[in-house]
Protein backbone atom coordinates (compact mmCIF):
# COMPACT_ATOMS: atom_id res chain seq x y z
CA MET A 1 145.69 -91.11 -42.30
CA THR A 2 147.99 -90.96 -39.31
CA VAL A 3 147.39 -88.45 -36.54
CA CYS A 4 150.03 -87.82 -33.96
CA PHE A 5 148.55 -88.10 -30.48
CA GLY A 6 150.69 -85.13 -29.32
CA GLU A 7 149.25 -82.86 -32.04
CA TYR A 8 145.72 -84.00 -31.26
CA LEU A 9 146.21 -83.41 -27.52
CA HIS A 10 147.82 -80.02 -28.16
CA THR A 11 144.92 -78.89 -30.38
CA ARG A 12 142.27 -80.04 -27.90
CA LEU A 13 143.99 -78.53 -24.87
CA LYS A 14 144.52 -75.28 -26.76
CA LYS A 15 140.75 -75.04 -27.34
CA VAL A 16 140.02 -75.79 -23.68
CA PHE A 17 142.45 -73.21 -22.31
CA ARG A 18 141.46 -70.60 -24.86
CA GLY A 19 137.92 -70.62 -23.48
CA VAL A 20 138.76 -70.52 -19.76
CA PRO A 21 139.95 -66.90 -19.41
CA LYS A 22 137.11 -65.68 -21.63
CA GLU A 23 134.53 -67.46 -19.48
CA LEU A 24 136.09 -66.06 -16.31
CA SER A 25 136.11 -62.60 -17.86
CA LEU A 26 132.48 -62.85 -18.94
CA ASN A 27 131.53 -64.16 -15.53
CA ALA A 28 133.41 -61.29 -13.86
CA ASP A 29 131.66 -58.78 -16.13
CA GLN A 30 128.28 -60.30 -15.27
CA LEU A 31 129.06 -60.24 -11.55
CA TYR A 32 130.20 -56.61 -11.78
CA SER A 33 127.08 -55.58 -13.72
CA SER A 34 124.75 -57.29 -11.28
CA GLY A 35 126.67 -55.69 -8.40
CA LEU A 36 126.15 -52.26 -9.96
CA ALA A 37 122.45 -52.98 -10.41
CA LEU A 38 122.17 -53.93 -6.74
CA LYS A 39 124.17 -50.88 -5.67
CA ASN A 40 122.14 -48.46 -7.78
CA GLY A 41 118.81 -50.02 -6.86
CA ASP A 42 117.61 -51.02 -10.33
CA ASN A 43 115.53 -53.81 -8.77
CA GLY A 44 115.79 -52.74 -5.15
CA ARG A 45 118.97 -51.60 -3.47
CA ASN A 46 120.97 -54.23 -1.57
CA MET A 47 124.48 -53.13 -0.65
CA ARG A 48 125.39 -56.42 1.09
CA GLU A 49 124.66 -58.42 -2.06
CA ALA A 50 126.38 -55.79 -4.23
CA PHE A 51 129.47 -56.12 -2.00
CA LYS A 52 129.45 -59.91 -2.48
CA LYS A 53 129.19 -59.54 -6.28
CA PHE A 54 132.02 -56.99 -6.37
CA THR A 55 134.16 -59.30 -4.23
CA LYS A 56 133.65 -62.26 -6.57
CA ALA A 57 134.27 -60.15 -9.69
CA ALA A 58 137.41 -58.59 -8.16
CA ASP A 59 138.68 -62.07 -7.27
CA ARG A 60 138.36 -62.91 -10.97
CA GLY A 61 140.47 -59.89 -11.91
CA HIS A 62 137.83 -57.30 -12.79
CA ALA A 63 139.51 -53.87 -12.30
CA LEU A 64 136.31 -51.82 -12.00
CA ALA A 65 134.88 -54.26 -9.47
CA ARG A 66 138.09 -53.85 -7.48
CA GLY A 67 137.46 -50.10 -7.38
CA GLU A 68 133.86 -50.59 -6.26
CA LEU A 69 135.01 -53.04 -3.60
CA ALA A 70 137.52 -50.48 -2.31
CA GLU A 71 134.72 -47.92 -2.16
CA CYS A 72 132.56 -50.37 -0.18
CA TYR A 73 135.34 -50.84 2.37
CA LEU A 74 136.01 -47.10 2.51
CA ARG A 75 132.38 -46.16 3.17
CA GLY A 76 131.28 -49.31 5.01
CA ARG A 77 128.64 -50.17 2.40
CA GLY A 78 127.62 -53.80 2.55
CA CYS A 79 130.49 -54.56 4.92
CA GLU A 80 132.26 -53.15 7.94
CA ARG A 81 134.36 -50.09 7.19
CA ASN A 82 137.98 -51.14 6.70
CA LEU A 83 140.37 -48.41 5.57
CA ALA A 84 143.33 -50.78 5.36
CA LYS A 85 141.55 -53.06 2.89
CA ALA A 86 140.29 -50.07 0.88
CA ALA A 87 143.85 -48.75 0.66
CA GLU A 88 145.24 -52.14 -0.37
CA LEU A 89 142.61 -52.28 -3.12
CA GLY A 90 143.85 -48.97 -4.51
CA ASN A 91 141.76 -46.25 -2.88
CA SER A 92 143.96 -43.18 -2.44
CA GLU A 93 141.61 -41.51 0.06
CA ALA A 94 141.82 -44.58 2.30
CA ALA A 95 145.61 -44.71 1.96
CA LEU A 96 145.84 -41.07 3.10
CA ALA A 97 143.50 -41.75 6.03
CA MET A 98 145.48 -44.83 7.07
CA GLY A 99 148.69 -42.83 6.83
CA ALA A 100 147.25 -40.16 9.13
CA LYS A 101 146.10 -42.86 11.55
CA MET A 102 149.55 -44.49 11.59
CA LYS A 103 151.25 -41.14 12.17
CA LYS A 104 148.89 -40.39 15.07
CA GLU A 105 149.66 -43.82 16.58
CA GLY A 106 153.40 -43.21 16.18
CA ASN A 107 153.92 -46.05 13.70
CA GLU A 108 156.38 -44.30 11.39
CA SER A 109 157.18 -47.19 9.04
CA GLU A 110 153.48 -47.82 8.32
CA TYR A 111 152.92 -44.08 7.93
CA VAL A 112 155.62 -43.92 5.27
CA ARG A 113 154.26 -47.06 3.58
CA TYR A 114 150.75 -45.60 3.32
CA MET A 115 152.08 -42.25 2.11
CA TRP A 116 153.95 -44.12 -0.66
CA MET A 117 150.78 -45.98 -1.50
CA ALA A 118 148.73 -42.76 -1.69
CA SER A 119 151.44 -41.01 -3.69
CA ASP A 120 151.57 -43.86 -6.19
CA LEU A 121 147.79 -43.52 -6.53
CA GLY A 122 148.16 -39.86 -7.49
CA GLU A 123 147.68 -38.03 -4.18
CA LYS A 124 149.73 -34.85 -4.38
CA LYS A 125 149.39 -34.27 -0.62
CA ALA A 126 151.05 -37.62 0.10
CA THR A 127 153.85 -36.89 -2.36
CA SER A 128 154.49 -33.54 -0.68
CA GLN A 129 154.64 -35.23 2.73
CA LEU A 130 157.14 -37.75 1.35
CA VAL A 131 159.27 -34.87 0.08
CA ASP A 132 159.39 -33.48 3.64
CA ILE A 133 160.14 -36.92 5.11
CA TYR A 134 163.08 -37.58 2.77
CA ARG A 135 164.38 -34.01 2.99
CA SER A 136 164.40 -34.02 6.80
CA GLY A 137 165.49 -37.62 7.32
CA LYS A 138 163.26 -37.96 10.41
CA MET A 139 161.48 -41.22 9.60
CA VAL A 140 163.77 -42.54 6.87
CA GLU A 141 167.39 -42.10 5.96
CA LYS A 142 167.91 -38.58 4.62
CA ASP A 143 167.92 -38.63 0.82
CA THR A 144 167.86 -35.25 -0.90
CA GLY A 145 167.97 -36.91 -4.33
CA GLU A 146 164.78 -38.82 -3.60
CA ALA A 147 163.23 -35.69 -2.10
CA TYR A 148 163.98 -33.80 -5.31
CA ARG A 149 162.63 -36.61 -7.51
CA LEU A 150 159.42 -36.69 -5.47
CA TRP A 151 159.17 -32.90 -5.63
CA MET A 152 159.38 -33.12 -9.43
CA ASP A 153 156.74 -35.88 -9.42
CA ALA A 154 154.44 -33.65 -7.37
CA HIS A 155 154.43 -31.21 -10.26
CA VAL A 156 153.19 -33.89 -12.66
CA GLN A 157 150.68 -36.02 -10.75
CA PHE A 158 148.98 -38.39 -13.14
CA GLN A 159 145.19 -38.78 -13.04
CA LYS A 160 143.28 -41.86 -14.19
CA TYR A 161 141.45 -41.32 -17.49
CA LYS A 162 140.29 -44.79 -18.48
CA PRO A 163 141.56 -48.21 -17.44
CA GLY A 164 145.11 -48.29 -18.77
CA LEU A 165 145.45 -44.54 -19.45
CA GLU A 166 146.61 -41.69 -17.25
CA TRP A 167 147.27 -38.04 -17.87
CA GLY A 168 149.09 -35.27 -16.05
CA ILE A 169 150.09 -31.64 -16.50
CA ASN A 170 153.40 -30.14 -15.43
CA GLN A 171 152.25 -26.80 -14.05
CA ASP A 172 155.70 -25.24 -14.40
CA THR A 173 156.15 -25.96 -18.10
CA LYS A 174 152.44 -26.29 -19.00
CA THR A 175 153.15 -29.65 -20.61
CA LEU A 176 150.54 -32.42 -20.97
CA PHE A 177 151.72 -36.00 -20.39
CA ILE A 178 149.73 -39.09 -21.35
CA ARG A 179 150.93 -42.59 -20.45
CA GLY A 180 149.58 -46.11 -20.66
CA GLU A 181 148.03 -48.37 -23.24
CA GLY A 182 144.67 -47.82 -24.85
CA ARG A 183 142.72 -45.37 -26.96
CA ILE A 184 141.54 -41.90 -26.21
CA GLY A 185 138.07 -41.17 -27.46
């Protein structure tokens, strides 16, 4: 029986690489679960250790751990409060707060950047502010088309349902929109 070394190597490497993402995923799930236990105080509350677990799990791509990590930065739980990091991790409240801070400091480009970030995360207030910015042309080049598109988006702000699914209602037409991949129920 003749076995081609290339086929043998391909089969063995396929087995090795097939297990790597699964192990990382399981490890991330375990880190996230232990972080939640530390946060909730199942065996004594320790926010610093919970923060460390969430950080490791988020580094391995765990979406829920990323959300918990953003919350830690937003509230200063287990770490120093850092609104910029919370916003970068996807916390809309932090993005709005950073936008307000940038506006107060007179940093218009960063203000607009954080308003875009908050708007993309579903903050209707940020979307409305972007409408005003583009309509007036004060901080960016005047663009009534973009202002109109944003105004329409403000009427259908999508809310997170489950990882991968979002929903929104157009208040004018009373239409429900669902987008993403996954199952409802």
